[in-house]
């Protein structure tokens, strides 16, 4: 492996991961800057809807459910590109229907969603069991890849709200 490849390989190992306590603490700190009136820089979700959306995703990760781990060639390529090449998730990416929260929660529930978000971040920070779920776009992921994907997802939404 040439010297020019080393920064790229090193960067692959330094990606932020929601299965890391320090990373989760930093995410909680960013989330603490939100309030029910924080306006999105893109998209149509409110801050409360975004927290509820992230909470649904994180609850799914921690559910302990297992699914077959099949992955197509297209999913492998997409996974590599999104997890290891792109700096963040693209704006406008569509969530699976089960994770859509637009219009399903009121801003009066902001504090409950915020508290649930913090509790889920703390659980993710100390999660030890393998995550064996099928990602809707990337196919079967390793536990480490789930942590990378979860970080990129929550980072995308926090950036959506300017935090």
N, C-alpha and C. Protein backbone atom coordinates (compact mmCIF):
# COMPACT_ATOMS: atom_id res chain seq x y z
N UNK A 1 0.86 -1.18 0.00
CA UNK A 1 0.00 0.00 0.00
C UNK A 1 0.90 1.23 0.00
N UNK A 2 0.65 2.15 -0.89
CA UNK A 2 1.48 3.35 -1.03
C UNK A 2 1.21 4.36 0.07
N UNK A 3 2.15 5.28 0.23
CA UNK A 3 2.03 6.31 1.26
C UNK A 3 0.81 7.19 1.04
N UNK A 4 0.41 7.40 -0.22
CA UNK A 4 -0.76 8.23 -0.51
C UNK A 4 -2.06 7.60 -0.05
N UNK A 5 -2.08 6.28 0.08
CA UNK A 5 -3.30 5.58 0.51
C UNK A 5 -3.47 5.65 2.02
N UNK A 6 -2.43 5.89 2.77
CA UNK A 6 -2.51 5.87 4.23
C UNK A 6 -3.51 6.88 4.81
N UNK A 7 -3.54 8.13 4.36
CA UNK A 7 -4.55 9.04 4.93
C UNK A 7 -5.97 8.54 4.71
N UNK A 8 -6.24 7.94 3.53
CA UNK A 8 -7.58 7.42 3.25
C UNK A 8 -7.92 6.26 4.19
N UNK A 9 -6.98 5.32 4.33
CA UNK A 9 -7.21 4.17 5.21
C UNK A 9 -7.37 4.65 6.65
N UNK A 10 -6.55 5.59 7.09
CA UNK A 10 -6.64 6.13 8.44
C UNK A 10 -8.00 6.79 8.65
N UNK A 11 -8.46 7.53 7.65
CA UNK A 11 -9.77 8.20 7.75
C UNK A 11 -10.90 7.19 7.89
N UNK A 12 -10.78 6.03 7.24
CA UNK A 12 -11.82 5.00 7.36
C UNK A 12 -11.95 4.52 8.81
N UNK A 13 -10.85 4.49 9.52
CA UNK A 13 -10.88 4.00 10.90
C UNK A 13 -11.25 5.10 11.89
N UNK A 14 -11.29 6.34 11.48
CA UNK A 14 -11.55 7.46 12.39
C UNK A 14 -12.97 8.00 12.25
N UNK A 15 -13.84 7.32 11.53
CA UNK A 15 -15.21 7.78 11.36
C UNK A 15 -15.92 7.78 12.71
N UNK A 16 -16.80 8.75 12.90
CA UNK A 16 -17.57 8.83 14.13
C UNK A 16 -18.62 7.74 14.16
N UNK A 17 -18.87 7.22 15.37
CA UNK A 17 -19.70 6.04 15.53
C UNK A 17 -20.58 6.22 16.77
N UNK A 18 -21.89 6.06 16.62
CA UNK A 18 -22.80 6.24 17.75
C UNK A 18 -22.70 5.14 18.79
N UNK A 19 -21.88 4.14 18.56
CA UNK A 19 -21.65 3.12 19.57
C UNK A 19 -20.44 3.48 20.42
N UNK A 20 -20.05 4.74 20.38
CA UNK A 20 -18.93 5.28 21.15
C UNK A 20 -19.46 6.33 22.13
N UNK A 21 -19.11 6.22 23.39
CA UNK A 21 -19.65 7.11 24.43
C UNK A 21 -19.30 8.58 24.16
N UNK A 22 -18.08 8.86 23.74
CA UNK A 22 -17.69 10.25 23.48
C UNK A 22 -18.48 10.85 22.33
N UNK A 23 -18.71 10.07 21.32
CA UNK A 23 -19.49 10.53 20.16
C UNK A 23 -20.93 10.82 20.60
N UNK A 24 -21.51 9.94 21.39
CA UNK A 24 -22.89 10.14 21.86
C UNK A 24 -22.99 11.39 22.73
N UNK A 25 -22.00 11.63 23.58
CA UNK A 25 -22.00 12.82 24.42
C UNK A 25 -21.96 14.08 23.57
N UNK A 26 -21.16 14.06 22.51
CA UNK A 26 -21.08 15.22 21.61
C UNK A 26 -22.41 15.44 20.89
N UNK A 27 -23.08 14.36 20.49
CA UNK A 27 -24.37 14.46 19.82
C UNK A 27 -25.41 15.04 20.79
N UNK A 28 -25.41 14.58 22.04
CA UNK A 28 -26.34 15.11 23.04
C UNK A 28 -26.10 16.60 23.23
N UNK A 29 -24.85 16.99 23.30
CA UNK A 29 -24.51 18.41 23.47
C UNK A 29 -25.05 19.25 22.32
N UNK A 30 -24.91 18.74 21.11
CA UNK A 30 -25.45 19.46 19.94
C UNK A 30 -26.97 19.53 20.01
N UNK A 31 -27.61 18.42 20.37
CA UNK A 31 -29.07 18.36 20.43
C UNK A 31 -29.62 19.32 21.49
N UNK A 32 -28.87 19.54 22.54
CA UNK A 32 -29.31 20.44 23.63
C UNK A 32 -29.53 21.87 23.14
N UNK A 33 -28.98 22.21 21.99
CA UNK A 33 -29.15 23.56 21.43
C UNK A 33 -30.49 23.73 20.71
N UNK A 34 -31.22 22.62 20.53
CA UNK A 34 -32.53 22.68 19.87
C UNK A 34 -33.61 23.15 20.83
N UNK A 35 -34.63 23.74 20.27
CA UNK A 35 -35.86 24.02 21.01
C UNK A 35 -37.01 23.80 20.03
N UNK A 36 -38.25 23.77 20.52
CA UNK A 36 -39.37 23.47 19.62
C UNK A 36 -39.49 24.44 18.44
N UNK A 37 -38.97 25.64 18.58
CA UNK A 37 -39.08 26.63 17.52
C UNK A 37 -37.89 26.68 16.57
N UNK A 38 -36.88 25.84 16.80
CA UNK A 38 -35.73 25.84 15.91
C UNK A 38 -36.18 25.48 14.49
N UNK A 39 -35.85 26.34 13.54
CA UNK A 39 -36.27 26.15 12.16
C UNK A 39 -35.27 25.29 11.39
N UNK A 40 -35.80 24.42 10.55
CA UNK A 40 -34.96 23.59 9.69
C UNK A 40 -34.36 24.44 8.58
N UNK A 41 -33.12 24.14 8.23
CA UNK A 41 -32.45 24.81 7.11
C UNK A 41 -32.88 24.20 5.78
N UNK A 42 -33.36 22.96 5.81
CA UNK A 42 -33.93 22.29 4.64
C UNK A 42 -34.95 21.27 5.14
N UNK A 43 -35.77 20.80 4.25
CA UNK A 43 -36.78 19.81 4.61
C UNK A 43 -37.98 20.45 5.30
N UNK A 44 -38.92 19.62 5.70
CA UNK A 44 -40.17 20.16 6.25
C UNK A 44 -40.49 19.69 7.66
N UNK A 45 -39.62 18.90 8.28
CA UNK A 45 -39.89 18.45 9.65
C UNK A 45 -39.66 19.58 10.64
N UNK A 46 -40.40 19.51 11.74
CA UNK A 46 -40.12 20.38 12.88
C UNK A 46 -39.03 19.71 13.71
N UNK A 47 -38.48 20.44 14.67
CA UNK A 47 -37.46 19.86 15.55
C UNK A 47 -38.03 18.68 16.33
N UNK A 48 -39.27 18.78 16.76
CA UNK A 48 -39.91 17.68 17.50
C UNK A 48 -40.08 16.47 16.61
N UNK A 49 -40.52 16.66 15.37
CA UNK A 49 -40.68 15.55 14.43
C UNK A 49 -39.33 14.90 14.13
N UNK A 50 -38.29 15.70 14.02
CA UNK A 50 -36.96 15.17 13.76
C UNK A 50 -36.49 14.31 14.93
N UNK A 51 -36.69 14.78 16.16
CA UNK A 51 -36.28 13.98 17.31
C UNK A 51 -37.07 12.67 17.36
N UNK A 52 -38.37 12.74 17.10
CA UNK A 52 -39.20 11.53 17.10
C UNK A 52 -38.73 10.56 16.02
N UNK A 53 -38.37 11.08 14.85
CA UNK A 53 -37.86 10.27 13.76
C UNK A 53 -36.56 9.57 14.18
N UNK A 54 -35.62 10.33 14.73
CA UNK A 54 -34.35 9.73 15.18
C UNK A 54 -34.61 8.70 16.28
N UNK A 55 -35.53 9.00 17.18
CA UNK A 55 -35.83 8.06 18.25
C UNK A 55 -36.37 6.74 17.71
N UNK A 56 -37.23 6.80 16.70
CA UNK A 56 -37.75 5.56 16.10
C UNK A 56 -36.61 4.73 15.52
N UNK A 57 -35.68 5.39 14.83
CA UNK A 57 -34.55 4.68 14.23
C UNK A 57 -33.69 4.05 15.33
N UNK A 58 -33.37 4.82 16.37
CA UNK A 58 -32.50 4.31 17.43
C UNK A 58 -33.17 3.20 18.23
N UNK A 59 -34.48 3.31 18.45
CA UNK A 59 -35.20 2.22 19.12
C UNK A 59 -35.11 0.94 18.31
N UNK A 60 -35.22 1.08 16.98
CA UNK A 60 -35.09 -0.09 16.12
C UNK A 60 -33.73 -0.74 16.22
N UNK A 61 -32.69 0.08 16.28
CA UNK A 61 -31.33 -0.46 16.41
C UNK A 61 -31.14 -1.23 17.70
N UNK A 62 -31.76 -0.74 18.76
CA UNK A 62 -31.58 -1.34 20.08
C UNK A 62 -32.61 -2.41 20.40
N UNK A 63 -33.48 -2.73 19.46
CA UNK A 63 -34.57 -3.67 19.73
C UNK A 63 -34.12 -5.10 19.97
N UNK A 64 -32.95 -5.44 19.49
CA UNK A 64 -32.48 -6.81 19.63
C UNK A 64 -33.00 -7.74 18.56
N UNK A 65 -33.81 -7.22 17.64
CA UNK A 65 -34.33 -8.04 16.55
C UNK A 65 -33.19 -8.43 15.62
N UNK A 66 -33.36 -9.53 14.95
CA UNK A 66 -32.39 -9.94 13.94
C UNK A 66 -33.13 -10.19 12.64
N UNK A 67 -32.41 -9.97 11.55
CA UNK A 67 -32.97 -10.17 10.22
C UNK A 67 -31.91 -10.81 9.33
N UNK A 68 -32.33 -11.46 8.26
CA UNK A 68 -31.35 -12.02 7.32
C UNK A 68 -30.39 -10.93 6.83
N UNK A 69 -29.17 -11.30 6.59
CA UNK A 69 -28.14 -10.32 6.22
C UNK A 69 -27.74 -10.39 4.75
N UNK A 70 -28.68 -10.44 3.84
CA UNK A 70 -28.34 -10.47 2.42
C UNK A 70 -28.07 -9.04 1.92
N UNK A 71 -27.17 -8.94 0.97
CA UNK A 71 -26.80 -7.63 0.42
C UNK A 71 -26.50 -7.78 -1.06
N UNK A 72 -27.09 -6.91 -1.86
CA UNK A 72 -26.84 -6.93 -3.31
C UNK A 72 -25.56 -6.16 -3.62
N UNK A 73 -25.05 -6.34 -4.81
CA UNK A 73 -23.85 -5.60 -5.25
C UNK A 73 -24.13 -4.10 -5.22
N UNK A 74 -25.32 -3.70 -5.65
CA UNK A 74 -25.68 -2.29 -5.64
C UNK A 74 -25.66 -1.74 -4.20
N UNK A 75 -26.16 -2.53 -3.25
CA UNK A 75 -26.16 -2.09 -1.85
C UNK A 75 -24.74 -1.97 -1.31
N UNK A 76 -23.85 -2.91 -1.66
CA UNK A 76 -22.45 -2.82 -1.25
C UNK A 76 -21.82 -1.52 -1.74
N UNK A 77 -22.04 -1.21 -3.00
CA UNK A 77 -21.47 0.01 -3.57
C UNK A 77 -22.05 1.26 -2.91
N UNK A 78 -23.37 1.28 -2.75
CA UNK A 78 -24.01 2.42 -2.10
C UNK A 78 -23.51 2.58 -0.67
N UNK A 79 -23.40 1.47 0.06
CA UNK A 79 -22.91 1.49 1.44
C UNK A 79 -21.51 2.09 1.51
N UNK A 80 -20.61 1.60 0.66
CA UNK A 80 -19.25 2.11 0.68
C UNK A 80 -19.23 3.61 0.39
N UNK A 81 -19.94 4.01 -0.64
CA UNK A 81 -19.95 5.42 -1.03
C UNK A 81 -20.51 6.30 0.08
N UNK A 82 -21.65 5.93 0.65
CA UNK A 82 -22.31 6.76 1.66
C UNK A 82 -21.57 6.73 2.99
N UNK A 83 -21.15 5.56 3.44
CA UNK A 83 -20.50 5.48 4.76
C UNK A 83 -19.06 5.95 4.77
N UNK A 84 -18.34 5.73 3.66
CA UNK A 84 -16.90 5.98 3.69
C UNK A 84 -16.40 7.09 2.78
N UNK A 85 -17.22 7.54 1.84
CA UNK A 85 -16.76 8.57 0.91
C UNK A 85 -17.47 9.90 1.15
N UNK A 86 -18.80 9.89 1.14
CA UNK A 86 -19.56 11.12 1.36
C UNK A 86 -19.31 11.67 2.76
N UNK A 87 -19.21 12.98 2.90
CA UNK A 87 -19.02 13.54 4.25
C UNK A 87 -20.27 13.45 5.11
N UNK A 88 -21.45 13.35 4.50
CA UNK A 88 -22.69 13.25 5.25
C UNK A 88 -23.79 12.70 4.36
N UNK A 89 -24.92 12.40 4.96
CA UNK A 89 -26.06 11.93 4.17
C UNK A 89 -26.54 13.08 3.28
N UNK A 90 -26.97 12.77 2.08
CA UNK A 90 -27.44 13.83 1.18
C UNK A 90 -28.79 14.40 1.63
N UNK A 91 -28.99 15.68 1.38
CA UNK A 91 -30.27 16.32 1.66
C UNK A 91 -31.33 15.70 0.75
N UNK A 92 -32.52 15.55 1.27
CA UNK A 92 -33.62 15.06 0.46
C UNK A 92 -33.73 13.55 0.39
N UNK A 93 -32.84 12.82 1.08
CA UNK A 93 -32.95 11.36 1.09
C UNK A 93 -34.26 10.97 1.79
N UNK A 94 -34.95 10.01 1.23
CA UNK A 94 -36.26 9.60 1.75
C UNK A 94 -36.10 8.48 2.77
N UNK A 95 -36.81 8.62 3.88
CA UNK A 95 -36.82 7.60 4.92
C UNK A 95 -37.86 6.53 4.59
N UNK A 96 -37.63 5.30 5.05
CA UNK A 96 -38.69 4.29 4.92
C UNK A 96 -39.95 4.77 5.65
N UNK A 97 -41.08 4.37 5.15
CA UNK A 97 -42.37 4.85 5.65
C UNK A 97 -42.52 4.69 7.17
N UNK A 98 -42.00 3.60 7.73
CA UNK A 98 -42.17 3.34 9.16
C UNK A 98 -41.45 4.36 10.05
N UNK A 99 -40.54 5.13 9.46
CA UNK A 99 -39.79 6.12 10.23
C UNK A 99 -40.25 7.56 9.98
N UNK A 100 -41.25 7.74 9.16
CA UNK A 100 -41.74 9.09 8.86
C UNK A 100 -42.61 9.59 10.00
N UNK A 101 -42.29 10.78 10.50
CA UNK A 101 -43.02 11.35 11.64
C UNK A 101 -43.69 12.68 11.30
N UNK A 102 -43.53 13.14 10.07
CA UNK A 102 -44.11 14.43 9.65
C UNK A 102 -45.61 14.41 9.90
N UNK A 103 -46.09 15.41 10.69
CA UNK A 103 -47.50 15.55 10.97
C UNK A 103 -48.05 14.57 11.99
N UNK A 104 -47.18 13.79 12.63
CA UNK A 104 -47.66 12.76 13.56
C UNK A 104 -47.38 13.08 15.03
N UNK A 105 -46.77 14.23 15.29
CA UNK A 105 -46.42 14.57 16.67
C UNK A 105 -46.46 16.08 16.82
N UNK A 106 -46.91 16.56 17.96
CA UNK A 106 -47.00 18.01 18.16
C UNK A 106 -45.77 18.54 18.89
N UNK A 107 -45.54 19.84 18.74
CA UNK A 107 -44.40 20.47 19.42
C UNK A 107 -44.54 20.44 20.93
N UNK A 108 -45.74 20.19 21.43
CA UNK A 108 -45.95 20.07 22.88
C UNK A 108 -45.20 18.86 23.44
N UNK A 109 -44.82 17.93 22.56
CA UNK A 109 -44.11 16.72 22.99
C UNK A 109 -42.59 16.85 22.85
N UNK A 110 -42.11 18.07 22.61
CA UNK A 110 -40.68 18.28 22.40
C UNK A 110 -39.85 17.75 23.57
N UNK A 111 -40.21 18.12 24.79
CA UNK A 111 -39.41 17.72 25.96
C UNK A 111 -39.38 16.20 26.10
N UNK A 112 -40.51 15.55 25.88
CA UNK A 112 -40.54 14.08 25.96
C UNK A 112 -39.63 13.47 24.90
N UNK A 113 -39.66 14.00 23.68
CA UNK A 113 -38.81 13.48 22.61
C UNK A 113 -37.33 13.76 22.89
N UNK A 114 -37.06 14.92 23.45
CA UNK A 114 -35.68 15.27 23.80
C UNK A 114 -35.15 14.32 24.87
N UNK A 115 -35.96 14.05 25.90
CA UNK A 115 -35.54 13.13 26.96
C UNK A 115 -35.35 11.71 26.43
N UNK A 116 -36.24 11.29 25.53
CA UNK A 116 -36.11 9.96 24.93
C UNK A 116 -34.83 9.89 24.08
N UNK A 117 -34.53 10.97 23.36
CA UNK A 117 -33.33 11.03 22.53
C UNK A 117 -32.08 10.85 23.42
N UNK A 118 -32.04 11.57 24.52
CA UNK A 118 -30.89 11.48 25.43
C UNK A 118 -30.76 10.07 25.98
N UNK A 119 -31.87 9.48 26.41
CA UNK A 119 -31.84 8.12 26.96
C UNK A 119 -31.35 7.12 25.91
N UNK A 120 -31.82 7.27 24.68
CA UNK A 120 -31.38 6.36 23.62
C UNK A 120 -29.91 6.55 23.29
N UNK A 121 -29.42 7.79 23.30
CA UNK A 121 -28.00 8.04 23.06
C UNK A 121 -27.16 7.35 24.13
N UNK A 122 -27.60 7.43 25.37
CA UNK A 122 -26.85 6.80 26.47
C UNK A 122 -26.86 5.28 26.33
N UNK A 123 -27.98 4.72 25.88
CA UNK A 123 -28.03 3.27 25.65
C UNK A 123 -27.12 2.87 24.50
N UNK A 124 -27.12 3.66 23.42
CA UNK A 124 -26.24 3.36 22.29
C UNK A 124 -24.78 3.43 22.70
N UNK A 125 -24.43 4.39 23.54
CA UNK A 125 -23.05 4.57 23.97
C UNK A 125 -22.50 3.34 24.68
N UNK A 126 -23.38 2.58 25.32
CA UNK A 126 -22.94 1.41 26.10
C UNK A 126 -23.40 0.09 25.50
N UNK A 127 -23.94 0.15 24.29
CA UNK A 127 -24.47 -1.05 23.64
C UNK A 127 -23.33 -2.00 23.28
N UNK A 128 -23.44 -3.24 23.68
CA UNK A 128 -22.38 -4.23 23.42
C UNK A 128 -22.81 -5.35 22.48
N UNK A 129 -24.10 -5.65 22.42
CA UNK A 129 -24.57 -6.78 21.61
C UNK A 129 -24.46 -6.47 20.13
N UNK A 130 -24.25 -7.52 19.33
CA UNK A 130 -24.22 -7.31 17.88
C UNK A 130 -25.57 -6.78 17.38
N UNK A 131 -25.52 -5.92 16.37
CA UNK A 131 -26.74 -5.44 15.72
C UNK A 131 -26.84 -6.20 14.41
N UNK A 132 -27.88 -7.00 14.26
CA UNK A 132 -28.04 -7.84 13.08
C UNK A 132 -29.35 -7.52 12.40
N UNK A 133 -29.39 -6.35 11.79
CA UNK A 133 -30.57 -5.89 11.10
C UNK A 133 -30.23 -5.61 9.64
N UNK A 134 -31.23 -5.65 8.81
CA UNK A 134 -31.08 -5.32 7.40
C UNK A 134 -31.32 -3.82 7.24
N UNK A 135 -30.35 -3.09 6.74
CA UNK A 135 -30.54 -1.67 6.47
C UNK A 135 -31.39 -1.55 5.20
N UNK A 136 -32.37 -0.63 5.18
CA UNK A 136 -33.25 -0.54 4.02
C UNK A 136 -32.55 -0.18 2.70
N UNK A 137 -31.39 0.47 2.78
CA UNK A 137 -30.68 0.87 1.55
C UNK A 137 -29.34 0.17 1.39
N UNK A 138 -28.69 -0.21 2.50
CA UNK A 138 -27.33 -0.75 2.45
C UNK A 138 -27.26 -2.26 2.64
N UNK A 139 -28.38 -2.92 2.93
CA UNK A 139 -28.37 -4.37 3.15
C UNK A 139 -27.84 -4.70 4.53
N UNK A 140 -27.21 -5.87 4.65
CA UNK A 140 -26.67 -6.32 5.92
C UNK A 140 -25.44 -5.49 6.30
N UNK A 141 -25.44 -4.99 7.53
CA UNK A 141 -24.31 -4.20 8.03
C UNK A 141 -23.70 -4.88 9.24
N UNK A 142 -22.41 -4.66 9.45
CA UNK A 142 -21.78 -5.08 10.70
C UNK A 142 -22.24 -4.13 11.80
N UNK A 143 -22.03 -4.51 13.03
CA UNK A 143 -22.40 -3.63 14.15
C UNK A 143 -21.67 -2.29 14.04
N UNK A 144 -20.38 -2.34 13.70
CA UNK A 144 -19.62 -1.09 13.54
C UNK A 144 -20.22 -0.23 12.44
N UNK A 145 -20.60 -0.84 11.34
CA UNK A 145 -21.21 -0.08 10.24
C UNK A 145 -22.55 0.52 10.67
N UNK A 146 -23.30 -0.19 11.51
CA UNK A 146 -24.55 0.39 12.03
C UNK A 146 -24.25 1.63 12.85
N UNK A 147 -23.18 1.59 13.65
CA UNK A 147 -22.80 2.77 14.44
C UNK A 147 -22.41 3.94 13.56
N UNK A 148 -21.67 3.65 12.47
CA UNK A 148 -21.28 4.70 11.51
C UNK A 148 -22.52 5.29 10.84
N UNK A 149 -23.40 4.41 10.39
CA UNK A 149 -24.62 4.86 9.71
C UNK A 149 -25.50 5.67 10.65
N UNK A 150 -25.63 5.20 11.89
CA UNK A 150 -26.46 5.91 12.87
C UNK A 150 -25.89 7.30 13.15
N UNK A 151 -24.56 7.41 13.24
CA UNK A 151 -23.96 8.73 13.44
C UNK A 151 -24.24 9.63 12.25
N UNK A 152 -24.00 9.13 11.05
CA UNK A 152 -24.22 9.97 9.86
C UNK A 152 -25.68 10.41 9.78
N UNK A 153 -26.60 9.54 10.17
CA UNK A 153 -28.02 9.86 10.14
C UNK A 153 -28.35 10.99 11.12
N UNK A 154 -27.93 10.84 12.36
CA UNK A 154 -28.27 11.86 13.36
C UNK A 154 -27.52 13.16 13.07
N UNK A 155 -26.29 13.07 12.59
CA UNK A 155 -25.53 14.27 12.22
C UNK A 155 -26.26 15.01 11.09
N UNK A 156 -26.78 14.28 10.12
CA UNK A 156 -27.54 14.87 9.02
C UNK A 156 -28.70 15.70 9.58
N UNK A 157 -29.44 15.13 10.53
CA UNK A 157 -30.60 15.83 11.06
C UNK A 157 -30.22 16.99 11.99
N UNK A 158 -29.15 16.85 12.73
CA UNK A 158 -28.72 17.98 13.56
C UNK A 158 -28.22 19.13 12.67
N UNK A 159 -27.50 18.82 11.61
CA UNK A 159 -27.09 19.86 10.65
C UNK A 159 -28.32 20.48 9.98
N UNK A 160 -29.35 19.66 9.74
CA UNK A 160 -30.60 20.16 9.16
C UNK A 160 -31.15 21.31 10.00
N UNK A 161 -30.94 21.25 11.31
CA UNK A 161 -31.44 22.27 12.22
C UNK A 161 -30.33 23.22 12.71
N UNK A 162 -29.21 23.19 12.02
CA UNK A 162 -28.14 24.16 12.29
C UNK A 162 -27.39 23.95 13.58
N UNK A 163 -27.41 22.73 14.11
CA UNK A 163 -26.66 22.46 15.35
C UNK A 163 -25.67 21.32 15.16
